[in-house]
Amino acid sequence: MLFHSGHFFLFFACVLLVHQLRLPWAFKKWNLLAASWFFYAAWNPPFVLLLILTTVVSWYTAERIHDSEDSAARKRWLWLNLAVNLGILGFFKYGGFLLWNYRIVAGGLDFGVTVPNWSWLLPAGISFYTFQVLSYVLDVYFRKTPATRNFRDVALYIAFFPQLVAGPIVRSTDFLPQLKTEPRRIADRVQWGLVLFGIGLFQKMFVADFLCAPIANKIFDNANAAGFLTCWTGTLAFTVQIFCDFAGYSNCAIGAALCLGFELPENFRAPYAALGFSDFWKRWHITLSTWFRDYVYIPLGGSQRYAVRRTIVNLMVTMVLAGLWHGASWRFILWGVIHGILLVLEALWRRFLKAREIRLPAWTEVPGIAATFLIISVTMMIFRAHGLSTLGRMLSSMAGFSGIGSLDGNTMIWAVTAALFAIHLHLRHAGYEALVRKTSPWITGAVFGIILFLCYLSSGNPDAFIYFQF
């Protein structure tokens, strides 16, 4: 059930109608939980049982961890939870990858064994809700938050339908307190929620699917015949597409949650206006980057002032795991390694400048942002290329080894990219809401009407969001 489908609009209208009735808050929470499980079952009904299993195990083990005073017992309950949740994630997401690699090794060494084909489907959003569950249980283990006794509240936290399939990854400390009392009906909150939802639809339907996807698909599918300009056009098209696709989902999720009275964390903050790669990760998929920071990077030791080697190892381990989170493929591991190297080089560069008390002049900021954007655009190709061979051919062409190529009438993509880059520069220190509040209501209404009209023009067979595959 996609956000930009008629089925979702009907579903959401029914949920919102019940939510606005004068009913007990406990009943409304049961209604939201039932709606969330129904929403997830619409993808593949059997997988909702997997979601419920994860919920039951996490609710029960968190209670046992909270109640136990024995450190060994607490660790055993934690390890049980990790074994179940990471085991389920590993089986469905990485089982095929491991089997594929084993088949290559077994064939190369002539083991004489028959390796079966992998035919298991990947449950939608399993990476997102698993990380959400782990953050709750780990926070209980480290005494950052008490266990929630009410199964319904824990289940709703894990399955809340606006962000269930593709985030944002919500912390229990942010969401569970919102379930204690019924949120007040604030017209401004609902209004802003609808605006955010409309912005998300525009980003997904018009910019990502209508403008960028056809061009990116055409060029990446014909990488062998693409020259310098053609490959750069395809790369920029996908760079815009993946941002508008994923940020569009996040805006729809945050907007839908606001209409129901819940606040979800910001997930994107003008990432293409980042100055450097650490700044990029403070702006792109913020809830994932902060998750890895808090539950992987800092526990490993974080940035150590005098132990440079240890800092390098911590960065590389964190980013390789982040690459694996995105997908079970060597290209995603490569993506993690590249981003790890970029972060390491930036950290060393900053240490060098600090040690010599060098301050870069202000005029270097915009060129630095542009350089960051171009490098990030190149790394984004890994998500789109069919394999490492396609990626290699594209990079070779982008370096000028396959002729100049042509734009093939796709100059519009360069204009769209420039417009998005300019918007991110403008919003670098402020979000959409601040911009809207400073704009005349008449102008805002007119722009929003145009946005909805363009969404209508680009509607057709809705495409799934890119991050559903992760």
Protein backbone atom coordinates (compact mmCIF):
# COMPACT_ATOMS: atom_id res chain seq x y z
CA MET A 1 0.00 0.00 0.00
CA LEU A 2 1.92 3.02 -1.31
CA PHE A 3 1.49 6.54 0.05
CA HIS A 4 0.70 7.80 -3.45
CA SER A 5 -1.98 5.20 -4.21
CA GLY A 6 -5.74 5.50 -4.02
CA HIS A 7 -5.87 2.58 -1.61
CA PHE A 8 -3.76 4.46 0.92
CA PHE A 9 -5.84 7.64 0.66
CA LEU A 10 -8.99 5.62 1.45
CA PHE A 11 -7.22 3.74 4.26
CA PHE A 12 -5.80 6.90 5.81
CA ALA A 13 -9.12 8.73 5.60
CA CYS A 14 -10.80 5.91 7.55
CA VAL A 15 -8.04 5.84 10.18
CA LEU A 16 -8.12 9.62 10.54
CA LEU A 17 -11.92 9.64 10.85
CA VAL A 18 -11.89 7.15 13.73
CA HIS A 19 -9.00 9.02 15.33
CA GLN A 20 -11.02 12.24 15.40
CA LEU A 21 -14.04 10.72 17.12
CA ARG A 22 -14.62 11.24 20.84
CA LEU A 23 -13.51 7.78 21.90
CA PRO A 24 -11.29 6.60 24.77
CA TRP A 25 -7.58 7.07 24.08
CA ALA A 26 -6.92 3.37 24.75
CA PHE A 27 -9.42 2.42 22.01
CA LYS A 28 -7.79 4.82 19.56
CA LYS A 29 -4.39 3.26 20.22
CA TRP A 30 -5.81 -0.21 19.58
CA ASN A 31 -7.32 1.17 16.37
CA LEU A 32 -3.93 2.56 15.28
CA LEU A 33 -2.24 -0.74 16.06
CA ALA A 34 -4.82 -2.75 14.11
CA ALA A 35 -4.54 -0.28 11.21
CA SER A 36 -0.73 -0.56 11.29
CA TRP A 37 -0.80 -4.36 11.19
CA PHE A 38 -3.37 -4.22 8.37
CA PHE A 39 -1.17 -1.72 6.50
CA TYR A 40 1.81 -4.07 6.79
CA ALA A 41 -0.22 -7.16 5.90
CA ALA A 42 -1.26 -5.43 2.68
CA TRP A 43 2.30 -5.97 1.40
CA ASN A 44 2.44 -9.68 2.18
CA PRO A 45 0.04 -11.06 4.80
CA PRO A 46 2.28 -13.82 6.30
CA PHE A 47 5.02 -11.31 7.13
CA VAL A 48 2.80 -9.53 9.64
CA LEU A 49 3.24 -12.64 11.81
CA LEU A 50 6.98 -12.04 11.66
CA LEU A 51 6.44 -8.45 12.80
CA ILE A 52 4.25 -9.64 15.70
CA LEU A 53 6.86 -12.26 16.69
CA THR A 54 9.55 -9.57 16.79
CA THR A 55 7.25 -7.40 18.91
CA VAL A 56 6.42 -10.14 21.43
CA VAL A 57 10.05 -11.18 21.86
CA SER A 58 11.23 -7.59 22.27
CA TRP A 59 8.47 -6.61 24.70
CA TYR A 60 9.08 -9.68 26.86
CA THR A 61 12.90 -9.57 26.87
CA ALA A 62 12.92 -5.83 27.59
CA GLU A 63 10.76 -6.46 30.66
CA ARG A 64 13.08 -9.23 31.85
CA ILE A 65 16.13 -7.01 31.32
CA HIS A 66 14.50 -4.16 33.23
CA ASP A 67 13.37 -6.32 36.17
CA SER A 68 16.60 -8.27 36.62
CA GLU A 69 19.31 -7.04 38.97
CA ASP A 70 21.72 -9.78 37.97
CA SER A 71 24.08 -8.54 35.24
CA ALA A 72 24.61 -12.02 33.83
CA ALA A 73 20.86 -12.60 33.53
CA ARG A 74 20.38 -9.21 31.90
CA LYS A 75 23.05 -10.08 29.33
CA ARG A 76 21.41 -13.42 28.61
CA TRP A 77 18.05 -11.74 27.89
CA LEU A 78 19.80 -9.16 25.72
CA TRP A 79 21.65 -11.83 23.75
CA LEU A 80 18.39 -13.73 23.28
CA ASN A 81 16.76 -10.63 21.83
CA LEU A 82 19.73 -9.92 19.57
CA ALA A 83 19.84 -13.54 18.43
CA VAL A 84 16.15 -13.54 17.49
CA ASN A 85 15.97 -10.13 15.81
CA LEU A 86 19.35 -10.15 14.10
CA GLY A 87 18.81 -13.81 13.24
CA ILE A 88 15.54 -13.02 11.45
CA LEU A 89 17.12 -10.02 9.70
CA GLY A 90 20.19 -12.06 8.74
CA PHE A 91 18.16 -14.98 7.41
CA PHE A 92 15.85 -12.97 5.17
CA LYS A 93 18.22 -10.20 4.10
CA TYR A 94 21.64 -11.87 3.98
CA GLY A 95 20.85 -15.57 3.53
CA GLY A 96 20.83 -15.34 -0.26
CA PHE A 97 24.04 -13.29 -0.30
CA LEU A 98 25.88 -15.80 1.89
CA LEU A 99 24.57 -18.70 -0.17
CA TRP A 100 25.66 -17.00 -3.40
CA ASN A 101 29.19 -16.45 -2.08
CA TYR A 102 29.34 -20.01 -0.76
CA ARG A 103 28.30 -21.30 -4.19
CA ILE A 104 31.21 -19.41 -5.79
CA VAL A 105 33.72 -20.67 -3.22
CA ALA A 106 32.39 -24.24 -3.36
CA GLY A 107 32.50 -24.24 -7.15
CA GLY A 108 36.01 -22.80 -7.25
CA LEU A 109 37.36 -25.34 -4.75
CA ASP A 110 35.35 -28.19 -6.29
CA PHE A 111 33.66 -29.25 -3.04
CA GLY A 112 31.24 -31.41 -4.98
CA VAL A 113 28.18 -30.12 -3.14
CA THR A 114 24.87 -28.94 -4.54
CA VAL A 115 23.88 -25.48 -3.29
CA PRO A 116 20.13 -24.76 -3.46
CA ASN A 117 18.74 -21.56 -4.92
CA TRP A 118 17.49 -18.86 -2.56
CA SER A 119 13.79 -18.10 -3.01
CA TRP A 120 12.79 -16.25 0.18
CA LEU A 121 11.19 -12.83 -0.20
CA LEU A 122 12.58 -9.90 1.77
CA PRO A 123 9.94 -8.61 4.24
CA ALA A 124 9.20 -4.93 3.58
CA GLY A 125 10.90 -2.56 6.00
CA ILE A 126 12.60 -5.31 8.03
CA SER A 127 15.84 -3.30 8.36
CA PHE A 128 13.93 -0.28 9.64
CA TYR A 129 11.76 -1.91 12.26
CA THR A 130 14.58 -4.22 13.42
CA PHE A 131 16.82 -1.23 14.16
CA GLN A 132 13.91 0.44 15.92
CA VAL A 133 13.40 -2.64 18.11
CA LEU A 134 17.13 -2.89 18.86
CA SER A 135 17.32 0.74 19.95
CA TYR A 136 14.47 0.15 22.44
CA VAL A 137 15.96 -3.00 23.95
CA LEU A 138 19.49 -1.56 24.09
CA ASP A 139 18.21 1.61 25.76
CA VAL A 140 16.46 -0.53 28.38
CA TYR A 141 19.63 -2.59 28.86
CA PHE A 142 21.81 0.50 29.36
CA ARG A 143 19.21 1.98 31.75
CA LYS A 144 18.50 4.92 29.46
CA THR A 145 14.78 4.22 29.55
CA PRO A 146 12.48 1.91 31.56
CA ALA A 147 10.72 -1.00 29.90
CA THR A 148 7.14 -0.29 28.86
CA ARG A 149 4.76 -2.78 30.49
CA ASN A 150 1.90 -2.22 28.09
CA PHE A 151 2.24 -4.60 25.12
CA ARG A 152 -0.07 -2.47 22.97
CA ASP A 153 2.14 0.62 23.34
CA VAL A 154 5.32 -1.28 22.48
CA ALA A 155 3.58 -2.90 19.51
CA LEU A 156 2.32 0.46 18.26
CA TYR A 157 5.79 1.98 18.63
CA ILE A 158 7.27 -0.78 16.47
CA ALA A 159 4.46 -0.99 13.89
CA PHE A 160 3.24 2.64 13.60
CA PHE A 161 2.29 2.59 9.93
CA PRO A 162 3.47 6.01 8.64
CA GLN A 163 7.14 5.16 9.24
CA LEU A 164 7.00 1.35 9.40
CA VAL A 165 8.30 0.48 5.94
CA ALA A 166 11.00 3.10 5.29
CA GLY A 167 11.52 5.21 8.39
CA PRO A 168 12.34 7.56 9.92
CA ILE A 169 13.85 5.20 12.51
CA VAL A 170 12.16 6.43 15.68
CA ARG A 171 13.61 6.06 19.19
CA SER A 172 11.37 4.74 21.93
CA THR A 173 12.32 7.72 24.10
CA ASP A 174 10.74 10.01 21.49
CA PHE A 175 7.62 7.99 20.64
CA LEU A 176 6.46 6.09 23.73
CA PRO A 177 5.98 9.24 25.87
CA GLN A 178 3.58 10.52 23.19
CA LEU A 179 1.34 7.49 23.83
CA LYS A 180 0.76 8.30 27.49
CA THR A 181 -1.90 10.93 26.87
CA GLU A 182 -4.03 11.74 23.86
CA PRO A 183 -2.47 14.52 21.81
CA ARG A 184 -4.41 17.73 21.59
CA ARG A 185 -6.12 18.49 18.31
CA ILE A 186 -4.12 21.43 16.99
CA ALA A 187 -5.24 22.80 13.62
CA ASP A 188 -1.76 24.12 12.77
CA ARG A 189 -0.24 20.68 13.34
CA VAL A 190 -2.74 18.98 11.01
CA GLN A 191 -2.36 21.74 8.44
CA TRP A 192 1.42 21.45 8.43
CA GLY A 193 1.12 17.67 8.28
CA LEU A 194 -0.97 17.91 5.12
CA VAL A 195 1.50 20.37 3.59
CA LEU A 196 4.42 18.03 4.34
CA PHE A 197 2.50 15.11 2.89
CA GLY A 198 1.86 17.13 -0.27
CA ILE A 199 5.54 18.09 -0.53
CA GLY A 200 6.46 14.42 -0.16
CA LEU A 201 4.05 13.40 -2.91
CA PHE A 202 5.49 16.07 -5.21
CA GLN A 203 9.05 14.93 -4.54
CA LYS A 204 8.19 11.29 -5.19
CA MET A 205 5.61 11.41 -7.97
CA PHE A 206 6.68 14.37 -10.07
CA VAL A 207 10.40 14.90 -9.50
CA ALA A 208 11.64 11.37 -8.75
CA ASP A 209 9.31 9.20 -10.84
CA PHE A 210 8.18 11.51 -13.65
CA LEU A 211 11.23 13.69 -14.33
CA CYS A 212 14.28 11.70 -13.22
CA ALA A 213 13.57 7.96 -13.20
CA PRO A 214 13.00 7.51 -16.97
CA ILE A 215 16.28 9.27 -17.82
CA ALA A 216 18.30 7.50 -15.12
CA ASN A 217 16.87 4.11 -16.14
CA LYS A 218 17.59 4.67 -19.82
CA ILE A 219 21.19 5.72 -19.28
CA PHE A 220 22.14 3.12 -16.66
CA ASP A 221 20.50 0.37 -18.71
CA ASN A 222 22.63 1.37 -21.72
CA ALA A 223 25.90 2.17 -19.95
CA ASN A 224 28.02 0.56 -22.68
CA ALA A 225 26.98 3.17 -25.25
CA ALA A 226 27.10 6.19 -22.91
CA GLY A 227 29.70 8.94 -23.19
CA PHE A 228 30.95 11.62 -20.80
CA LEU A 229 27.94 13.96 -20.87
CA THR A 230 25.44 11.11 -21.04
CA CYS A 231 26.83 9.34 -17.96
CA TRP A 232 27.00 12.53 -15.94
CA THR A 233 23.40 13.24 -16.92
CA GLY A 234 22.32 9.80 -15.74
CA THR A 235 24.28 10.17 -12.50
CA LEU A 236 22.74 13.55 -11.69
CA ALA A 237 19.29 12.23 -12.61
CA PHE A 238 19.66 9.40 -10.11
CA THR A 239 21.17 11.70 -7.48
CA VAL A 240 18.05 13.87 -7.63
CA GLN A 241 15.79 10.81 -7.90
CA ILE A 242 17.08 8.98 -4.83
CA PHE A 243 16.88 12.10 -2.66
CA CYS A 244 13.37 13.05 -3.78
CA ASP A 245 12.22 9.43 -3.53
CA PHE A 246 13.50 8.87 0.01
CA ALA A 247 12.94 12.38 1.37
CA GLY A 248 9.50 12.23 -0.23
CA TYR A 249 8.67 9.11 1.79
CA SER A 250 10.01 10.69 4.99
CA ASN A 251 7.97 13.85 4.45
CA CYS A 252 4.82 11.79 3.79
CA ALA A 253 5.49 9.74 6.94
CA ILE A 254 6.13 12.79 9.13
CA GLY A 255 3.11 14.57 7.64
CA ALA A 256 0.75 11.60 8.14
CA ALA A 257 1.97 11.21 11.73
CA LEU A 258 1.36 14.91 12.43
CA CYS A 259 -2.22 14.56 11.20
CA LEU A 260 -2.64 11.84 13.84
CA GLY A 261 -1.04 14.00 16.52
CA PHE A 262 2.42 12.40 16.62
CA GLU A 263 5.79 14.02 15.98
CA LEU A 264 8.46 12.01 14.17
CA PRO A 265 12.11 13.09 13.94
CA GLU A 266 13.49 14.97 10.96
CA ASN A 267 15.25 12.67 8.51
CA PHE A 268 16.71 15.06 5.91
CA ARG A 269 18.14 18.55 6.31
CA ALA A 270 19.29 19.91 2.92
CA PRO A 271 21.92 17.14 2.50
CA TYR A 272 23.11 18.32 -0.91
CA ALA A 273 24.27 21.57 0.72
CA ALA A 274 26.62 19.66 3.05
CA LEU A 275 30.14 20.98 3.49
CA GLY A 276 32.15 17.80 3.84
CA PHE A 277 31.14 14.21 4.41
CA SER A 278 30.63 14.32 8.17
CA ASP A 279 28.25 17.23 7.54
CA PHE A 280 26.51 15.15 4.86
CA TRP A 281 25.82 12.38 7.37
CA LYS A 282 24.35 14.93 9.76
CA ARG A 283 21.86 15.82 7.02
CA TRP A 284 21.15 12.60 5.06
CA HIS A 285 19.01 9.84 6.60
CA ILE A 286 19.63 11.47 9.97
CA THR A 287 17.83 8.81 12.01
CA LEU A 288 20.03 6.05 10.54
CA SER A 289 23.31 7.95 10.90
CA THR A 290 22.53 8.84 14.53
CA TRP A 291 21.58 5.20 15.16
CA PHE A 292 24.98 4.00 13.95
CA ARG A 293 26.65 6.81 15.89
CA ASP A 294 24.97 5.91 19.18
CA TYR A 295 24.91 2.11 18.95
CA VAL A 296 28.04 1.31 16.93
CA TYR A 297 30.51 4.19 16.56
CA ILE A 298 30.48 5.51 20.14
CA PRO A 299 30.51 2.03 21.77
CA LEU A 300 33.55 1.20 19.61
CA GLY A 301 35.30 4.26 21.05
CA GLY A 302 34.26 7.05 18.69
CA SER A 303 36.79 9.69 17.69
CA GLN A 304 39.80 9.38 19.95
CA ARG A 305 41.92 12.47 20.14
CA TYR A 306 45.29 10.77 20.52
CA ALA A 307 44.56 7.37 18.98
CA VAL A 308 44.23 8.21 15.30
CA ARG A 309 44.41 4.58 14.20
CA ARG A 310 41.57 3.66 16.52
CA THR A 311 39.42 6.48 15.13
CA ILE A 312 40.10 5.25 11.60
CA VAL A 313 39.12 1.69 12.50
CA ASN A 314 35.93 2.87 14.23
CA LEU A 315 34.90 4.95 11.21
CA MET A 316 35.59 2.14 8.75
CA VAL A 317 33.75 -0.52 10.79
CA THR A 318 30.74 1.76 11.24
CA MET A 319 30.48 2.65 7.56
CA VAL A 320 30.97 -0.93 6.33
CA LEU A 321 28.10 -1.99 8.61
CA ALA A 322 26.06 0.94 7.28
CA GLY A 323 26.76 -0.31 3.76
CA LEU A 324 25.63 -3.81 4.70
CA TRP A 325 22.46 -2.37 6.24
CA HIS A 326 21.56 -0.96 2.83
CA GLY A 327 21.80 -4.29 1.08
CA ALA A 328 23.30 -7.77 0.88
CA SER A 329 25.75 -7.15 -1.95
CA TRP A 330 29.43 -6.44 -2.40
CA ARG A 331 28.57 -3.14 -4.05
CA PHE A 332 26.93 -1.93 -0.82
CA ILE A 333 30.01 -3.02 1.11
CA LEU A 334 32.07 -1.05 -1.42
CA TRP A 335 29.79 1.95 -0.83
CA GLY A 336 30.42 1.69 2.91
CA VAL A 337 34.19 1.40 2.39
CA ILE A 338 34.22 4.46 0.12
CA HIS A 339 32.26 6.56 2.60
CA GLY A 340 34.49 5.33 5.40
CA ILE A 341 37.59 6.40 3.46
CA LEU A 342 36.03 9.79 2.71
CA LEU A 343 35.25 10.34 6.40
CA VAL A 344 38.75 9.24 7.42
CA LEU A 345 40.42 11.58 4.90
CA GLU A 346 38.22 14.44 6.08
CA ALA A 347 39.04 13.72 9.74
CA LEU A 348 42.78 13.69 8.97
CA TRP A 349 42.44 16.92 6.98
CA ARG A 350 40.66 18.62 9.87
CA ARG A 351 43.35 17.44 12.30
CA PHE A 352 46.00 18.84 9.97
CA LEU A 353 44.29 22.25 9.78
CA LYS A 354 43.69 22.35 13.52
CA ALA A 355 47.29 21.40 14.37
CA ARG A 356 48.60 24.25 12.23
CA GLU A 357 45.84 26.65 13.29
CA ILE A 358 44.75 27.18 9.68
CA ARG A 359 41.31 28.63 9.03
CA LEU A 360 39.96 28.37 5.51
CA PRO A 361 38.59 31.62 4.05
CA ALA A 362 34.81 32.05 3.77
CA TRP A 363 34.87 32.06 -0.05
CA THR A 364 35.85 28.35 -0.06
CA GLU A 365 32.51 27.30 1.43
CA VAL A 366 30.39 27.18 -1.76
CA PRO A 367 33.10 25.43 -3.85
CA GLY A 368 33.52 22.97 -0.97
CA ILE A 369 29.77 22.29 -0.91
CA ALA A 370 29.76 21.82 -4.71
CA ALA A 371 32.72 19.41 -4.52
CA THR A 372 30.99 17.44 -1.74
CA PHE A 373 27.83 17.23 -3.83
CA LEU A 374 29.66 15.91 -6.91
CA ILE A 375 31.54 13.26 -4.94
CA ILE A 376 28.36 12.17 -3.18
CA SER A 377 26.64 11.97 -6.58
CA VAL A 378 29.32 9.58 -7.80
CA THR A 379 28.93 7.36 -4.72
CA MET A 380 25.15 7.28 -5.24
CA MET A 381 25.74 5.44 -8.54
CA ILE A 382 26.48 2.30 -6.52
CA PHE A 383 22.81 2.13 -5.53
CA ARG A 384 21.67 2.26 -9.16
CA ALA A 385 24.27 0.34 -11.14
CA HIS A 386 23.27 -3.23 -11.97
CA GLY A 387 26.68 -4.48 -10.85
CA LEU A 388 30.32 -3.54 -10.44
CA SER A 389 30.93 -3.94 -14.18
CA THR A 390 28.23 -1.37 -15.02
CA LEU A 391 29.62 0.91 -12.34
CA GLY A 392 33.11 0.60 -13.82
CA ARG A 393 31.90 1.44 -17.33
CA MET A 394 30.00 4.49 -16.05
CA LEU A 395 32.99 5.77 -14.08
CA SER A 396 35.26 5.27 -17.08
CA SER A 397 32.91 7.29 -19.27
CA MET A 398 32.54 10.02 -16.63
CA ALA A 399 36.34 10.32 -16.57
CA GLY A 400 36.29 11.00 -20.33
CA PHE A 401 37.57 7.65 -21.65
CA SER A 402 34.52 6.95 -23.86
CA GLY A 403 34.09 10.15 -25.81
CA ILE A 404 32.15 13.30 -25.06
CA GLY A 405 28.70 11.79 -25.67
CA SER A 406 25.62 14.00 -25.80
CA LEU A 407 22.78 15.25 -23.66
CA ASP A 408 20.19 13.62 -25.95
CA GLY A 409 17.62 16.28 -25.11
CA ASN A 410 18.07 15.73 -21.36
CA THR A 411 19.27 19.24 -20.50
CA MET A 412 16.22 19.50 -18.24
CA ILE A 413 17.95 17.22 -15.70
CA TRP A 414 20.82 19.67 -15.35
CA ALA A 415 18.32 22.45 -14.69
CA VAL A 416 16.45 20.32 -12.12
CA THR A 417 19.76 19.45 -10.41
CA ALA A 418 20.78 23.11 -10.30
CA ALA A 419 17.38 24.06 -8.86
CA LEU A 420 17.57 21.36 -6.16
CA PHE A 421 21.14 22.39 -5.29
CA ALA A 422 20.03 26.03 -4.99
CA ILE A 423 17.06 25.07 -2.79
CA HIS A 424 19.33 23.08 -0.49
CA LEU A 425 21.74 25.99 -0.24
CA HIS A 426 18.83 28.26 0.71
CA LEU A 427 17.51 25.76 3.29
CA ARG A 428 20.94 24.90 4.68
CA HIS A 429 20.27 26.62 8.00
CA ALA A 430 16.43 26.39 8.01
CA GLY A 431 13.80 23.82 7.13
CA TYR A 432 10.66 23.83 5.01
CA GLU A 433 8.49 24.98 7.89
CA ALA A 434 10.52 28.12 8.53
CA LEU A 435 10.39 28.97 4.82
CA VAL A 436 6.63 28.43 4.62
CA ARG A 437 5.92 30.50 7.72
CA LYS A 438 7.86 33.44 6.23
CA THR A 439 5.95 33.21 2.96
CA SER A 440 2.58 34.84 2.28
CA PRO A 441 -0.34 32.39 2.74
CA TRP A 442 -1.59 33.32 -0.74
CA ILE A 443 1.75 32.40 -2.32
CA THR A 444 1.95 29.23 -0.26
CA GLY A 445 -1.56 28.22 -1.31
CA ALA A 446 -0.83 28.89 -4.98
CA VAL A 447 2.41 26.89 -4.89
CA PHE A 448 0.72 24.04 -3.06
CA GLY A 449 -2.08 24.01 -5.66
CA ILE A 450 0.50 23.79 -8.46
CA ILE A 451 2.27 20.97 -6.61
CA LEU A 452 -0.93 18.94 -6.31
CA PHE A 453 -1.76 19.60 -9.99
CA LEU A 454 1.68 18.35 -11.06
CA CYS A 455 1.22 15.27 -8.87
CA TYR A 456 -2.07 14.61 -10.61
CA LEU A 457 -0.44 14.99 -14.05
CA SER A 458 2.32 12.54 -13.13
CA SER A 459 0.04 9.95 -11.54
CA GLY A 460 -0.30 6.60 -13.21
CA ASN A 461 1.11 3.27 -12.14
CA PRO A 462 2.78 4.20 -8.84
CA ASP A 463 6.35 3.01 -8.41
CA ALA A 464 7.53 1.62 -5.08
CA PHE A 465 9.90 3.75 -3.05
CA ILE A 466 13.57 2.92 -3.62
CA TYR A 467 14.32 2.35 0.07
CA PHE A 468 11.69 -0.40 0.30
CA GLN A 469 14.40 -2.77 -0.99
CA PHE A 470 16.60 -1.97 2.00
